[in-house]
Amino acid sequence: MPKIRVQVDPDLCIGAASCVTIAPETFQMNDENKAWVLDHGEEPGGSTYERWLEVTEDEMENIILGAQSCPTLAIFIFDEEGTQLFPDV
């Protein structure tokens, strides 16, 4: 399975929560109304602004859709080699 790095920039995040609506298994809002990245299969509370995830193709597609829904483009996705997959550079 491919590994991707999902990163939320808390300074850009405005708490729209569109990422949570689309990919709740990956994104959750924290107490400051900023999006956190959850570890797939990890216990609740294991949240951070940046995380490596092993994902299926379907999961990766859904995470990218969640990132695309962000009105401030606060979510960055990188592949294992460090190439930025989203937003497009």
PDB file of N, CA and C in Angstrom:
ATOM      1  N   MET A   1       0.845  -1.188   0.000  1.00  0.00           N
ATOM      2  CA  MET A   1       0.000   0.000   0.000  1.00  0.00           C
ATOM      3  C   MET A   1       0.883   1.242   0.000  1.00  0.00           C
ATOM      4  N   PRO A   2       0.464   2.251  -0.729  1.00  0.00           N
ATOM      5  CA  PRO A   2       1.265   3.484  -0.753  1.00  0.00           C
ATOM      6  C   PRO A   2       1.202   4.210   0.586  1.00  0.00           C
ATOM      7  N   LYS A   3       2.290   4.921   0.887  1.00  0.00           N
ATOM      8  CA  LYS A   3       2.319   5.774   2.072  1.00  0.00           C
ATOM      9  C   LYS A   3       2.289   7.211   1.593  1.00  0.00           C
ATOM     10  N   ILE A   4       1.490   8.015   2.282  1.00  0.00           N
ATOM     11  CA  ILE A   4       1.442   9.439   1.979  1.00  0.00           C
ATOM     12  C   ILE A   4       1.609  10.214   3.275  1.00  0.00           C
ATOM     13  N   ARG A   5       2.097  11.434   3.142  1.00  0.00           N
ATOM     14  CA  ARG A   5       2.200  12.335   4.297  1.00  0.00           C
ATOM     15  C   ARG A   5       1.112  13.386   4.145  1.00  0.00           C
ATOM     16  N   VAL A   6       0.249  13.469   5.136  1.00  0.00           N
ATOM     17  CA  VAL A   6      -0.850  14.431   5.136  1.00  0.00           C
ATOM     18  C   VAL A   6      -0.518  15.481   6.189  1.00  0.00           C
ATOM     19  N   GLN A   7      -0.562  16.741   5.773  1.00  0.00           N
ATOM     20  CA  GLN A   7      -0.163  17.837   6.654  1.00  0.00           C
ATOM     21  C   GLN A   7      -1.221  18.932   6.598  1.00  0.00           C
ATOM     22  N   VAL A   8      -1.652  19.405   7.763  1.00  0.00           N
ATOM     23  CA  VAL A   8      -2.577  20.532   7.859  1.00  0.00           C
ATOM     24  C   VAL A   8      -1.789  21.718   8.390  1.00  0.00           C
ATOM     25  N   ASP A   9      -1.887  22.858   7.701  1.00  0.00           N
ATOM     26  CA  ASP A   9      -1.261  24.088   8.187  1.00  0.00           C
ATOM     27  C   ASP A   9      -2.282  24.792   9.084  1.00  0.00           C
ATOM     28  N   PRO A  10      -2.080  24.757  10.412  1.00  0.00           N
ATOM     29  CA  PRO A  10      -3.074  25.350  11.309  1.00  0.00           C
ATOM     30  C   PRO A  10      -3.235  26.855  11.128  1.00  0.00           C
ATOM     31  N   ASP A  11      -2.212  27.514  10.577  1.00  0.00           N
ATOM     32  CA  ASP A  11      -2.321  28.950  10.336  1.00  0.00           C
ATOM     33  C   ASP A  11      -3.252  29.254   9.163  1.00  0.00           C
ATOM     34  N   LEU A  12      -3.375  28.310   8.228  1.00  0.00           N
ATOM     35  CA  LEU A  12      -4.262  28.503   7.079  1.00  0.00           C
ATOM     36  C   LEU A  12      -5.668  27.980   7.345  1.00  0.00           C
ATOM     37  N   CYS A  13      -5.790  27.009   8.238  1.00  0.00           N
ATOM     38  CA  CYS A  13      -7.082  26.374   8.513  1.00  0.00           C
ATOM     39  C   CYS A  13      -8.025  27.369   9.180  1.00  0.00           C
ATOM     40  N   ILE A  14      -9.249  27.498   8.625  1.00  0.00           N
ATOM     41  CA  ILE A  14     -10.245  28.406   9.193  1.00  0.00           C
ATOM     42  C   ILE A  14     -11.401  27.649   9.848  1.00  0.00           C
ATOM     43  N   GLY A  15     -11.295  26.320   9.924  1.00  0.00           N
ATOM     44  CA  GLY A  15     -12.316  25.548  10.605  1.00  0.00           C
ATOM     45  C   GLY A  15     -13.577  25.308   9.798  1.00  0.00           C
ATOM     46  N   ALA A  16     -13.470  25.327   8.484  1.00  0.00           N
ATOM     47  CA  ALA A  16     -14.645  25.096   7.642  1.00  0.00           C
ATOM     48  C   ALA A  16     -15.171  23.666   7.792  1.00  0.00           C
ATOM     49  N   ALA A  17     -14.297  22.737   8.125  1.00  0.00           N
ATOM     50  CA  ALA A  17     -14.628  21.326   8.386  1.00  0.00           C
ATOM     51  C   ALA A  17     -15.119  20.571   7.164  1.00  0.00           C
ATOM     52  N   SER A  18     -14.904  21.110   5.970  1.00  0.00           N
ATOM     53  CA  SER A  18     -15.302  20.376   4.763  1.00  0.00           C
ATOM     54  C   SER A  18     -14.492  19.096   4.613  1.00  0.00           C
ATOM     55  N   CYS A  19     -13.232  19.111   5.059  1.00  0.00           N
ATOM     56  CA  CYS A  19     -12.407  17.905   4.995  1.00  0.00           C
ATOM     57  C   CYS A  19     -12.983  16.807   5.887  1.00  0.00           C
ATOM     58  N   VAL A  20     -13.523  17.200   7.042  1.00  0.00           N
ATOM     59  CA  VAL A  20     -14.122  16.239   7.977  1.00  0.00           C
ATOM     60  C   VAL A  20     -15.375  15.624   7.367  1.00  0.00           C
ATOM     61  N   THR A  21     -16.155  16.441   6.670  1.00  0.00           N
ATOM     62  CA  THR A  21     -17.377  15.949   6.028  1.00  0.00           C
ATOM     63  C   THR A  21     -17.046  14.896   4.979  1.00  0.00           C
ATOM     64  N   ILE A  22     -15.986  15.132   4.203  1.00  0.00           N
ATOM     65  CA  ILE A  22     -15.637  14.231   3.100  1.00  0.00           C
ATOM     66  C   ILE A  22     -14.817  13.036   3.580  1.00  0.00           C
ATOM     67  N   ALA A  23     -13.889  13.255   4.492  1.00  0.00           N
ATOM     68  CA  ALA A  23     -12.988  12.180   4.932  1.00  0.00           C
ATOM     69  C   ALA A  23     -12.890  12.128   6.456  1.00  0.00           C
ATOM     70  N   PRO A  24     -13.995  11.789   7.151  1.00  0.00           N
ATOM     71  CA  PRO A  24     -13.969  11.799   8.621  1.00  0.00           C
ATOM     72  C   PRO A  24     -13.046  10.751   9.226  1.00  0.00           C
ATOM     73  N   GLU A  25     -12.673   9.727   8.441  1.00  0.00           N
ATOM     74  CA  GLU A  25     -11.747   8.723   8.959  1.00  0.00           C
ATOM     75  C   GLU A  25     -10.312   9.249   8.983  1.00  0.00           C
ATOM     76  N   THR A  26     -10.076  10.398   8.341  1.00  0.00           N
ATOM     77  CA  THR A  26      -8.738  10.990   8.281  1.00  0.00           C
ATOM     78  C   THR A  26      -8.664  12.334   8.996  1.00  0.00           C
ATOM     79  N   PHE A  27      -9.728  13.123   8.923  1.00  0.00           N
ATOM     80  CA  PHE A  27      -9.700  14.475   9.491  1.00  0.00           C
ATOM     81  C   PHE A  27     -10.740  14.623  10.605  1.00  0.00           C
ATOM     82  N   GLN A  28     -10.359  15.393  11.620  1.00  0.00           N
ATOM     83  CA  GLN A  28     -11.247  15.695  12.728  1.00  0.00           C
ATOM     84  C   GLN A  28     -10.890  17.086  13.220  1.00  0.00           C
ATOM     85  N   MET A  29     -11.865  17.811  13.749  1.00  0.00           N
ATOM     86  CA  MET A  29     -11.591  19.144  14.272  1.00  0.00           C
ATOM     87  C   MET A  29     -11.108  19.033  15.720  1.00  0.00           C
ATOM     88  N   ASN A  30     -10.150  19.876  16.097  1.00  0.00           N
ATOM     89  CA  ASN A  30      -9.661  19.870  17.473  1.00  0.00           C
ATOM     90  C   ASN A  30     -10.348  20.976  18.280  1.00  0.00           C
ATOM     91  N   ASP A  31      -9.906  21.175  19.516  1.00  0.00           N
ATOM     92  CA  ASP A  31     -10.534  22.152  20.405  1.00  0.00           C
ATOM     93  C   ASP A  31     -10.380  23.586  19.919  1.00  0.00           C
ATOM     94  N   GLU A  32      -9.401  23.816  19.055  1.00  0.00           N
ATOM     95  CA  GLU A  32      -9.182  25.158  18.508  1.00  0.00           C
ATOM     96  C   GLU A  32      -9.888  25.337  17.163  1.00  0.00           C
ATOM     97  N   ASN A  33     -10.740  24.371  16.804  1.00  0.00           N
ATOM     98  CA  ASN A  33     -11.478  24.383  15.541  1.00  0.00           C
ATOM     99  C   ASN A  33     -10.538  24.355  14.334  1.00  0.00           C
ATOM    100  N   LYS A  34      -9.458  23.597  14.480  1.00  0.00           N
ATOM    101  CA  LYS A  34      -8.503  23.361  13.388  1.00  0.00           C
ATOM    102  C   LYS A  34      -8.566  21.883  13.038  1.00  0.00           C
ATOM    103  N   ALA A  35      -8.312  21.560  11.786  1.00  0.00           N
ATOM    104  CA  ALA A  35      -8.354  20.161  11.355  1.00  0.00           C
ATOM    105  C   ALA A  35      -7.112  19.428  11.826  1.00  0.00           C
ATOM    106  N   TRP A  36      -7.310  18.220  12.328  1.00  0.00           N
ATOM    107  CA  TRP A  36      -6.248  17.309  12.724  1.00  0.00           C
ATOM    108  C   TRP A  36      -6.236  16.128  11.786  1.00  0.00           C
ATOM    109  N   VAL A  37      -5.098  15.468  11.679  1.00  0.00           N
ATOM    110  CA  VAL A  37      -4.969  14.254  10.879  1.00  0.00           C
ATOM    111  C   VAL A  37      -4.990  13.056  11.824  1.00  0.00           C
ATOM    112  N   LEU A  38      -5.931  12.153  11.600  1.00  0.00           N
ATOM    113  CA  LEU A  38      -6.037  10.946  12.421  1.00  0.00           C
ATOM    114  C   LEU A  38      -5.210   9.837  11.798  1.00  0.00           C
ATOM    115  N   ASP A  39      -4.718   8.942  12.639  1.00  0.00           N
ATOM    116  CA  ASP A  39      -4.032   7.755  12.143  1.00  0.00           C
ATOM    117  C   ASP A  39      -5.088   6.693  11.911  1.00  0.00           C
ATOM    118  N   HIS A  40      -5.169   6.170  10.704  1.00  0.00           N
ATOM    119  CA  HIS A  40      -6.158   5.145  10.385  1.00  0.00           C
ATOM    120  C   HIS A  40      -5.982   3.961  11.321  1.00  0.00           C
ATOM    121  N   GLY A  41      -7.020   3.641  12.071  1.00  0.00           N
ATOM    122  CA  GLY A  41      -6.971   2.495  12.957  1.00  0.00           C
ATOM    123  C   GLY A  41      -6.404   2.790  14.336  1.00  0.00           C
ATOM    124  N   GLU A  42      -5.922   3.996  14.558  1.00  0.00           N
ATOM    125  CA  GLU A  42      -5.371   4.333  15.863  1.00  0.00           C
ATOM    126  C   GLU A  42      -6.498   4.739  16.812  1.00  0.00           C
ATOM    127  N   GLU A  43      -6.245   4.598  18.101  1.00  0.00           N
ATOM    128  CA  GLU A  43      -7.242   4.968  19.097  1.00  0.00           C
ATOM    129  C   GLU A  43      -7.547   6.460  19.002  1.00  0.00           C
ATOM    130  N   PRO A  44      -8.771   6.858  19.383  1.00  0.00           N
ATOM    131  CA  PRO A  44      -9.121   8.289  19.365  1.00  0.00           C
ATOM    132  C   PRO A  44      -8.141   9.095  20.212  1.00  0.00           C
ATOM    133  N   GLY A  45      -7.888  10.300  19.786  1.00  0.00           N
ATOM    134  CA  GLY A  45      -6.970  11.156  20.513  1.00  0.00           C
ATOM    135  C   GLY A  45      -5.568  11.124  19.940  1.00  0.00           C
ATOM    136  N   GLY A  46      -5.296  10.184  19.037  1.00  0.00           N
ATOM    137  CA  GLY A  46      -3.990  10.130  18.408  1.00  0.00           C
ATOM    138  C   GLY A  46      -3.949  11.069  17.220  1.00  0.00           C
ATOM    139  N   SER A  47      -4.028  12.356  17.496  1.00  0.00           N
ATOM    140  CA  SER A  47      -4.176  13.344  16.435  1.00  0.00           C
ATOM    141  C   SER A  47      -2.993  14.298  16.399  1.00  0.00           C
ATOM    142  N   THR A  48      -2.708  14.776  15.211  1.00  0.00           N
ATOM    143  CA  THR A  48      -1.614  15.712  15.019  1.00  0.00           C
ATOM    144  C   THR A  48      -1.869  16.464  13.714  1.00  0.00           C
ATOM    145  N   TYR A  49      -1.099  17.524  13.472  1.00  0.00           N
ATOM    146  CA  TYR A  49      -1.262  18.283  12.232  1.00  0.00           C
ATOM    147  C   TYR A  49      -0.554  17.632  11.046  1.00  0.00           C
ATOM    148  N   GLU A  50       0.267  16.618  11.327  1.00  0.00           N
ATOM    149  CA  GLU A  50       1.009  15.980  10.234  1.00  0.00           C
ATOM    150  C   GLU A  50       1.203  14.508  10.552  1.00  0.00           C
ATOM    151  N   ARG A  51       0.982  13.644   9.556  1.00  0.00           N
ATOM    152  CA  ARG A  51       1.089  12.216   9.811  1.00  0.00           C
ATOM    153  C   ARG A  51       1.340  11.459   8.509  1.00  0.00           C
ATOM    154  N   TRP A  52       2.155  10.401   8.620  1.00  0.00           N
ATOM    155  CA  TRP A  52       2.320   9.451   7.525  1.00  0.00           C
ATOM    156  C   TRP A  52       1.203   8.422   7.625  1.00  0.00           C
ATOM    157  N   LEU A  53       0.556   8.115   6.510  1.00  0.00           N
ATOM    158  CA  LEU A  53      -0.529   7.133   6.488  1.00  0.00           C
ATOM    159  C   LEU A  53      -0.280   6.108   5.397  1.00  0.00           C
ATOM    160  N   GLU A  54      -0.512   4.840   5.714  1.00  0.00           N
ATOM    161  CA  GLU A  54      -0.563   3.807   4.681  1.00  0.00           C
ATOM    162  C   GLU A  54      -2.002   3.752   4.211  1.00  0.00           C
ATOM    163  N   VAL A  55      -2.201   3.930   2.917  1.00  0.00           N
ATOM    164  CA  VAL A  55      -3.563   4.049   2.400  1.00  0.00           C
ATOM    165  C   VAL A  55      -3.774   3.178   1.173  1.00  0.00           C
ATOM    166  N   THR A  56      -5.021   2.805   0.955  1.00  0.00           N
ATOM    167  CA  THR A  56      -5.392   2.162  -0.298  1.00  0.00           C
ATOM    168  C   THR A  56      -5.584   3.262  -1.335  1.00  0.00           C
ATOM    169  N   GLU A  57      -5.731   2.881  -2.587  1.00  0.00           N
ATOM    170  CA  GLU A  57      -5.986   3.880  -3.634  1.00  0.00           C
ATOM    171  C   GLU A  57      -7.282   4.642  -3.353  1.00  0.00           C
ATOM    172  N   ASP A  58      -8.323   3.922  -2.902  1.00  0.00           N
ATOM    173  CA  ASP A  58      -9.603   4.570  -2.596  1.00  0.00           C
ATOM    174  C   ASP A  58      -9.458   5.558  -1.438  1.00  0.00           C
ATOM    175  N   GLU A  59      -8.724   5.152  -0.402  1.00  0.00           N
ATOM    176  CA  GLU A  59      -8.511   6.054   0.737  1.00  0.00           C
ATOM    177  C   GLU A  59      -7.748   7.296   0.300  1.00  0.00           C
ATOM    178  N   MET A  60      -6.707   7.097  -0.522  1.00  0.00           N
ATOM    179  CA  MET A  60      -5.923   8.231  -0.985  1.00  0.00           C
ATOM    180  C   MET A  60      -6.786   9.193  -1.795  1.00  0.00           C
ATOM    181  N   GLU A  61      -7.627   8.652  -2.658  1.00  0.00           N
ATOM    182  CA  GLU A  61      -8.513   9.486  -3.465  1.00  0.00           C
ATOM    183  C   GLU A  61      -9.447  10.304  -2.564  1.00  0.00           C
ATOM    184  N   ASN A  62      -9.981   9.667  -1.517  1.00  0.00           N
ATOM    185  CA  ASN A  62     -10.902  10.347  -0.614  1.00  0.00           C
ATOM    186  C   ASN A  62     -10.182  11.429   0.200  1.00  0.00           C
ATOM    187  N   ILE A  63      -8.945  11.157   0.624  1.00  0.00           N
ATOM    188  CA  ILE A  63      -8.168  12.148   1.367  1.00  0.00           C
ATOM    189  C   ILE A  63      -7.875  13.350   0.475  1.00  0.00           C
ATOM    190  N   ILE A  64      -7.539  13.100  -0.777  1.00  0.00           N
ATOM    191  CA  ILE A  64      -7.284  14.205  -1.711  1.00  0.00           C
ATOM    192  C   ILE A  64      -8.561  15.007  -1.948  1.00  0.00           C
ATOM    193  N   LEU A  65      -9.709  14.328  -2.054  1.00  0.00           N
ATOM    194  CA  LEU A  65     -10.988  15.041  -2.190  1.00  0.00           C
ATOM    195  C   LEU A  65     -11.231  15.933  -0.971  1.00  0.00           C
ATOM    196  N   GLY A  66     -10.927  15.406   0.218  1.00  0.00           N
ATOM    197  CA  GLY A  66     -11.060  16.214   1.433  1.00  0.00           C
ATOM    198  C   GLY A  66     -10.160  17.432   1.387  1.00  0.00           C
ATOM    199  N   ALA A  67      -8.922  17.246   0.937  1.00  0.00           N
ATOM    200  CA  ALA A  67      -7.981  18.362   0.823  1.00  0.00           C
ATOM    201  C   ALA A  67      -8.464  19.378  -0.206  1.00  0.00           C
ATOM    202  N   GLN A  68      -9.009  18.892  -1.314  1.00  0.00           N
ATOM    203  CA  GLN A  68      -9.502  19.786  -2.364  1.00  0.00           C
ATOM    204  C   GLN A  68     -10.694  20.613  -1.893  1.00  0.00           C
ATOM    205  N   SER A  69     -11.435  20.094  -0.918  1.00  0.00           N
ATOM    206  CA  SER A  69     -12.621  20.806  -0.432  1.00  0.00           C
ATOM    207  C   SER A  69     -12.269  21.972   0.482  1.00  0.00           C
ATOM    208  N   CYS A  70     -11.028  22.033   0.934  1.00  0.00           N
ATOM    209  CA  CYS A  70     -10.617  23.086   1.871  1.00  0.00           C
ATOM    210  C   CYS A  70     -10.603  24.443   1.167  1.00  0.00           C
ATOM    211  N   PRO A  71     -11.375  25.416   1.682  1.00  0.00           N
ATOM    212  CA  PRO A  71     -11.442  26.723   1.006  1.00  0.00           C
ATOM    213  C   PRO A  71     -10.140  27.512   1.068  1.00  0.00           C
ATOM    214  N   THR A  72      -9.253  27.192   2.028  1.00  0.00           N
ATOM    215  CA  THR A  72      -7.992  27.932   2.144  1.00  0.00           C
ATOM    216  C   THR A  72      -6.783  27.108   1.722  1.00  0.00           C
ATOM    217  N   LEU A  73      -7.014  25.899   1.172  1.00  0.00           N
ATOM    218  CA  LEU A  73      -5.931  25.001   0.756  1.00  0.00           C
ATOM    219  C   LEU A  73      -4.921  24.799   1.880  1.00  0.00           C
ATOM    220  N   ALA A  74      -5.443  24.482   3.085  1.00  0.00           N
ATOM    221  CA  ALA A  74      -4.592  24.309   4.260  1.00  0.00           C
ATOM    222  C   ALA A  74      -4.045  22.892   4.382  1.00  0.00           C
ATOM    223  N   ILE A  75      -4.473  21.985   3.492  1.00  0.00           N
ATOM    224  CA  ILE A  75      -4.057  20.581   3.586  1.00  0.00           C
ATOM    225  C   ILE A  75      -3.085  20.261   2.461  1.00  0.00           C
ATOM    226  N   PHE A  76      -1.941  19.706   2.846  1.00  0.00           N
ATOM    227  CA  PHE A  76      -0.901  19.348   1.889  1.00  0.00           C
ATOM    228  C   PHE A  76      -0.711  17.841   1.921  1.00  0.00           C
ATOM    229  N   ILE A  77      -0.549  17.244   0.746  1.00  0.00           N
ATOM    230  CA  ILE A  77      -0.358  15.801   0.644  1.00  0.00           C
ATOM    231  C   ILE A  77       0.892  15.527  -0.171  1.00  0.00           C
ATOM    232  N   PHE A  78       1.760  14.650   0.371  1.00  0.00           N
ATOM    233  CA  PHE A  78       3.019  14.309  -0.271  1.00  0.00           C
ATOM    234  C   PHE A  78       3.114  12.793  -0.416  1.00  0.00           C
ATOM    235  N   ASP A  79       3.801  12.327  -1.471  1.00  0.00           N
ATOM    236  CA  ASP A  79       4.037  10.890  -1.610  1.00  0.00           C
ATOM    237  C   ASP A  79       5.299  10.504  -0.850  1.00  0.00           C
ATOM    238  N   GLU A  80       5.665   9.217  -0.928  1.00  0.00           N
ATOM    239  CA  GLU A  80       6.819   8.716  -0.166  1.00  0.00           C
ATOM    240  C   GLU A  80       8.125   9.389  -0.549  1.00  0.00           C
ATOM    241  N   GLU A  81       8.226   9.833  -1.800  1.00  0.00           N
ATOM    242  CA  GLU A  81       9.455  10.484  -2.265  1.00  0.00           C
ATOM    243  C   GLU A  81       9.500  11.961  -1.883  1.00  0.00           C
ATOM    244  N   GLY A  82       8.411  12.470  -1.292  1.00  0.00           N
ATOM    245  CA  GLY A  82       8.378  13.874  -0.914  1.00  0.00           C
ATOM    246  C   GLY A  82       7.766  14.770  -1.964  1.00  0.00           C
ATOM    247  N   THR A  83       7.265  14.171  -3.062  1.00  0.00           N
ATOM    248  CA  THR A  83       6.630  14.961  -4.114  1.00  0.00           C
ATOM    249  C   THR A  83       5.266  15.422  -3.637  1.00  0.00           C
ATOM    250  N   GLN A  84       4.991  16.707  -3.794  1.00  0.00           N
ATOM    251  CA  GLN A  84       3.702  17.252  -3.371  1.00  0.00           C
ATOM    252  C   GLN A  84       2.626  16.824  -4.365  1.00  0.00           C
ATOM    253  N   LEU A  85       1.623  16.094  -3.858  1.00  0.00           N
ATOM    254  CA  LEU A  85       0.508  15.642  -4.695  1.00  0.00           C
ATOM    255  C   LEU A  85      -0.630  16.654  -4.720  1.00  0.00           C
ATOM    256  N   PHE A  86      -0.795  17.395  -3.608  1.00  0.00           N
ATOM    257  CA  PHE A  86      -1.826  18.416  -3.516  1.00  0.00           C
ATOM    258  C   PHE A  86      -1.386  19.437  -2.472  1.00  0.00           C
ATOM    259  N   PRO A  87      -1.663  20.735  -2.695  1.00  0.00           N
ATOM    260  CA  PRO A  87      -2.139  21.316  -3.951  1.00  0.00           C
ATOM    261  C   PRO A  87      -1.084  21.176  -5.060  1.00  0.00           C
ATOM    262  N   ASP A  88      -1.562  21.250  -6.273  1.00  0.00           N
ATOM    263  CA  ASP A  88      -0.647  21.173  -7.405  1.00  0.00           C
ATOM    264  C   ASP A  88       0.354  22.304  -7.338  1.00  0.00           C
ATOM    265  N   VAL A  89       1.613  21.967  -7.618  1.00  0.00           N
ATOM    266  CA  VAL A  89       2.652  23.018  -7.585  1.00  0.00           C
ATOM    267  C   VAL A  89       2.999  23.477  -8.981  1.00  0.00           C
TER     268      VAL A  89
END
